[in-house]
Protein backbone atom coordinates (compact mmCIF):
# COMPACT_ATOMS: atom_id res chain seq x y z
CA MET A 1 0.00 0.00 0.00
CA PHE A 2 2.79 2.43 0.93
CA TYR A 3 6.20 2.07 -0.72
CA TYR A 4 7.77 4.67 1.53
CA VAL A 5 6.87 7.72 3.62
CA GLU A 6 9.00 10.85 3.51
CA GLY A 7 8.83 13.94 5.66
CA LEU A 8 10.03 15.48 8.90
CA VAL A 9 10.66 13.27 11.91
CA ALA A 10 8.03 14.58 14.32
CA HIS A 11 8.45 12.11 17.18
CA VAL A 12 10.65 9.17 18.19
CA GLU A 13 10.44 6.67 21.01
CA GLN A 14 11.54 3.11 21.61
CA GLY A 15 10.54 1.13 18.52
CA LEU A 16 8.57 3.96 16.90
CA ALA A 17 9.12 6.94 14.62
CA VAL A 18 6.43 9.39 13.50
CA ILE A 19 6.99 10.93 10.07
CA ASP A 20 5.07 14.12 9.28
CA CYS A 21 4.07 14.02 5.62
CA GLY A 22 2.25 17.21 4.69
CA GLY A 23 0.58 17.56 8.09
CA VAL A 24 -0.25 13.86 8.48
CA GLY A 25 1.82 11.92 11.01
CA TYR A 26 2.56 8.33 10.03
CA ALA A 27 3.49 6.15 13.00
CA CYS A 28 6.10 3.66 11.85
CA HIS A 29 7.19 0.80 14.05
CA THR A 30 10.90 0.35 13.49
CA SER A 31 14.20 -1.02 14.72
CA GLN A 32 16.87 0.58 16.88
CA ASN A 33 19.08 0.51 13.81
CA THR A 34 16.72 2.79 11.86
CA LEU A 35 16.16 5.03 14.88
CA SER A 36 19.91 5.60 15.08
CA ASN A 37 19.88 6.80 11.46
CA ILE A 38 17.20 9.51 11.83
CA GLN A 39 17.02 12.76 13.78
CA MET A 40 14.12 14.69 15.30
CA GLY A 41 13.07 17.63 13.14
CA GLU A 42 15.05 16.44 10.13
CA LYS A 43 13.80 14.98 6.87
CA ALA A 44 13.73 11.21 6.58
CA ARG A 45 12.48 8.53 4.21
CA LEU A 46 11.33 5.20 5.61
CA TYR A 47 10.61 2.23 3.34
CA THR A 48 7.46 0.64 4.62
CA CYS A 49 5.48 -2.55 5.00
CA LEU A 50 1.86 -2.59 6.16
CA HIS A 51 0.99 -5.35 8.61
CA VAL A 52 -2.70 -6.26 8.68
CA ARG A 53 -4.17 -8.75 11.12
CA GLU A 54 -7.87 -8.86 12.02
CA ASP A 55 -8.57 -5.27 13.16
CA ILE A 56 -4.89 -4.29 13.45
CA PHE A 57 -3.27 -2.05 10.82
CA GLU A 58 0.35 -1.27 11.65
CA LEU A 59 2.98 0.40 9.51
CA TYR A 60 6.60 -0.71 9.75
CA GLY A 61 9.31 1.52 8.34
CA PHE A 62 13.04 1.22 7.75
CA SER A 63 15.80 3.59 6.70
CA ASP A 64 16.90 1.47 3.74
CA GLN A 65 15.64 -1.24 1.41
CA GLU A 66 18.01 -3.86 2.79
CA GLU A 67 16.54 -3.63 6.29
CA LEU A 68 13.02 -3.77 4.89
CA ASN A 69 13.97 -6.88 2.91
CA CYS A 70 15.40 -8.44 6.07
CA TYR A 71 12.19 -7.65 7.94
CA LYS A 72 10.15 -9.38 5.23
CA MET A 73 12.48 -12.39 5.25
CA LEU A 74 12.31 -12.72 9.02
CA THR A 75 8.52 -12.49 9.16
CA SER A 76 8.32 -15.19 6.48
CA VAL A 77 9.78 -17.64 9.00
CA SER A 78 7.22 -19.65 10.96
CA GLY A 79 6.85 -18.26 14.47
CA VAL A 80 8.53 -14.93 13.77
CA GLY A 81 6.16 -11.97 14.00
CA PRO A 82 6.77 -8.25 13.40
CA LYS A 83 7.89 -7.54 16.97
CA ALA A 84 10.37 -10.42 16.95
CA ALA A 85 11.72 -9.26 13.60
CA LEU A 86 12.27 -5.74 14.95
CA SER A 87 13.98 -7.16 18.02
CA ILE A 88 16.42 -9.09 15.81
CA LEU A 89 17.09 -6.15 13.49
CA SER A 90 17.82 -3.98 16.51
CA VAL A 91 20.82 -6.17 17.40
CA ALA A 92 21.67 -7.42 13.92
CA PRO A 93 21.39 -4.89 11.06
CA PRO A 94 21.32 -6.27 7.48
CA SER A 95 25.07 -6.87 7.09
CA GLN A 96 25.28 -8.78 10.38
CA LEU A 97 22.02 -10.68 9.88
CA ALA A 98 22.93 -11.89 6.39
CA LEU A 99 26.35 -12.98 7.58
CA ALA A 100 24.82 -14.78 10.58
CA ILE A 101 22.57 -16.76 8.23
CA ILE A 102 25.46 -17.76 5.96
CA THR A 103 27.77 -18.70 8.83
CA GLU A 104 24.92 -20.27 10.85
CA ASP A 105 25.64 -17.97 13.78
CA GLU A 106 22.49 -18.52 15.83
CA LYS A 107 24.11 -17.01 18.94
CA LEU A 108 23.93 -13.53 17.41
CA LEU A 109 20.17 -13.89 16.96
CA THR A 110 19.62 -15.02 20.55
CA GLN A 111 20.97 -11.65 21.70
CA ALA A 112 17.64 -10.19 20.58
CA GLN A 113 14.98 -9.89 23.28
CA GLY A 114 12.50 -12.76 23.14
CA ILE A 115 14.52 -14.87 20.70
CA GLY A 116 15.53 -18.26 22.08
CA LYS A 117 17.85 -20.89 20.67
CA LYS A 118 15.13 -22.89 18.91
CA ILE A 119 13.64 -19.95 17.01
CA ALA A 120 17.15 -18.73 16.14
CA GLN A 121 17.98 -22.14 14.69
CA ARG A 122 14.74 -22.12 12.70
CA ILE A 123 15.50 -18.67 11.27
CA VAL A 124 18.99 -19.71 10.15
CA LEU A 125 17.75 -22.99 8.68
CA GLU A 126 14.74 -21.60 6.80
CA LEU A 127 16.46 -18.51 5.41
CA ARG A 128 19.57 -20.43 4.42
CA ASP A 129 17.36 -22.97 2.64
CA LYS A 130 15.86 -20.15 0.55
CA MET A 131 19.20 -20.05 -1.25
CA SER A 132 19.60 -22.97 -3.61
CA LYS A 133 22.63 -25.22 -3.46
CA GLY A 134 23.71 -23.78 -6.79
CA GLN A 135 23.61 -20.22 -5.42
CA LEU A 136 25.74 -21.17 -2.43
CA GLU A 137 28.27 -22.92 -4.68
CA THR A 138 28.38 -19.94 -7.03
CA ALA A 139 28.93 -17.58 -4.11
CA ALA A 140 32.01 -19.62 -3.20
CA SER A 141 33.78 -18.54 -6.41
CA ALA A 142 35.82 -15.37 -6.84
CA GLY A 143 35.06 -12.37 -9.03
CA LYS A 144 37.51 -10.62 -11.31
CA ASN A 145 39.62 -7.67 -10.14
CA ILE A 146 39.22 -8.67 -6.47
CA VAL A 147 42.27 -9.22 -4.29
CA MET A 148 41.59 -12.52 -2.56
CA PRO A 149 42.99 -13.58 0.84
CA GLU A 150 45.73 -16.21 0.68
CA LYS A 151 44.34 -18.33 3.50
CA GLY A 152 42.45 -21.49 2.59
CA GLY A 153 38.83 -22.37 3.30
CA ILE A 154 35.83 -20.14 2.84
CA ASN A 155 37.08 -16.55 2.87
CA HIS A 156 35.54 -13.17 3.55
CA ILE A 157 34.74 -12.52 -0.13
CA GLN A 158 32.82 -15.78 -0.38
CA GLU A 159 30.88 -15.03 2.79
CA ALA A 160 30.14 -11.48 1.64
CA VAL A 161 28.85 -12.59 -1.77
CA ALA A 162 26.60 -15.19 -0.18
CA ALA A 163 25.33 -12.65 2.35
CA LEU A 164 24.53 -10.11 -0.38
CA MET A 165 22.58 -12.82 -2.19
CA VAL A 166 20.60 -13.44 1.01
CA LEU A 167 19.73 -9.73 0.92
CA GLY A 168 18.29 -10.15 -2.57
CA TYR A 169 21.16 -9.10 -4.83
CA SER A 170 22.30 -11.27 -7.70
CA GLN A 171 25.74 -12.80 -7.93
CA ALA A 172 26.56 -10.40 -10.78
CA GLU A 173 25.50 -7.35 -8.73
CA ALA A 174 27.58 -8.53 -5.77
CA PHE A 175 30.70 -9.05 -7.86
CA LYS A 176 30.23 -5.74 -9.67
CA ALA A 177 30.05 -3.92 -6.33
CA MET A 178 33.34 -5.55 -5.36
CA GLU A 179 35.26 -4.61 -8.50
CA GLY A 180 38.58 -3.03 -7.62
CA LEU A 181 38.13 -3.82 -3.93
CA ASN A 182 41.24 -4.79 -1.97
CA SER A 183 39.81 -7.02 0.73
CA GLU A 184 43.05 -8.05 2.42
CA ASP A 185 42.44 -6.02 5.58
CA MET A 186 38.62 -6.24 5.59
CA ASP A 187 36.40 -8.73 7.35
CA ALA A 188 33.21 -10.03 5.73
CA GLU A 189 30.91 -7.55 7.46
CA SER A 190 33.06 -4.60 6.35
CA ILE A 191 32.94 -5.86 2.76
CA ILE A 192 29.15 -6.21 2.94
CA ARG A 193 28.72 -2.66 4.30
CA TYR A 194 31.05 -1.32 1.57
CA CYS A 195 29.04 -3.08 -1.14
CA LEU A 196 25.68 -1.96 0.26
CA LYS A 197 26.81 1.68 0.19
CA LYS A 198 28.04 1.27 -3.38
CA LEU A 199 24.85 -0.48 -4.49
CA ALA A 200 22.72 2.24 -2.89
CA MET A 201 24.39 4.85 -5.12
CA GLN A 202 23.57 3.01 -8.33
């Protein structure tokens, strides 16, 4: 229904931001990550998702498309509702969440309030399964013009490509964002954040 709302930030509180759009205040439930990216009285754009259940109509908004995509992925998992998704995104923004899924790091997810070990395991399993075996194998290859680490095993580039694919980008888009990147002194999360900034400018 709403792709995004844009206007002045009229009010913020824990888990909520109100965006004034032409005199109408849209209450957007959101994560701590998004709240840290907006300021009272300043202009902001939040990408939104409308949650409808019985007589409840709630708007959820995020500062970028990647976090919105993560929210949609999380709520697609059985047993994960909007509040649980926000709790996870508050401790694990897109780059960390995608990496946690690829590396099966369920401990990161259990840091979120209300998320136990079983639901964390389910999230990792279901979201990892959304990537086909072929996609995971493709993500384990290297792109051109990328300085690869010398150490054996799965490296940071491989993890970053797979994580970007979890976030909805194609293998080609991930590799293009990494062109010319010297990853020797970067961990996987740093590479993901670098690529997300570059992709956002395209």
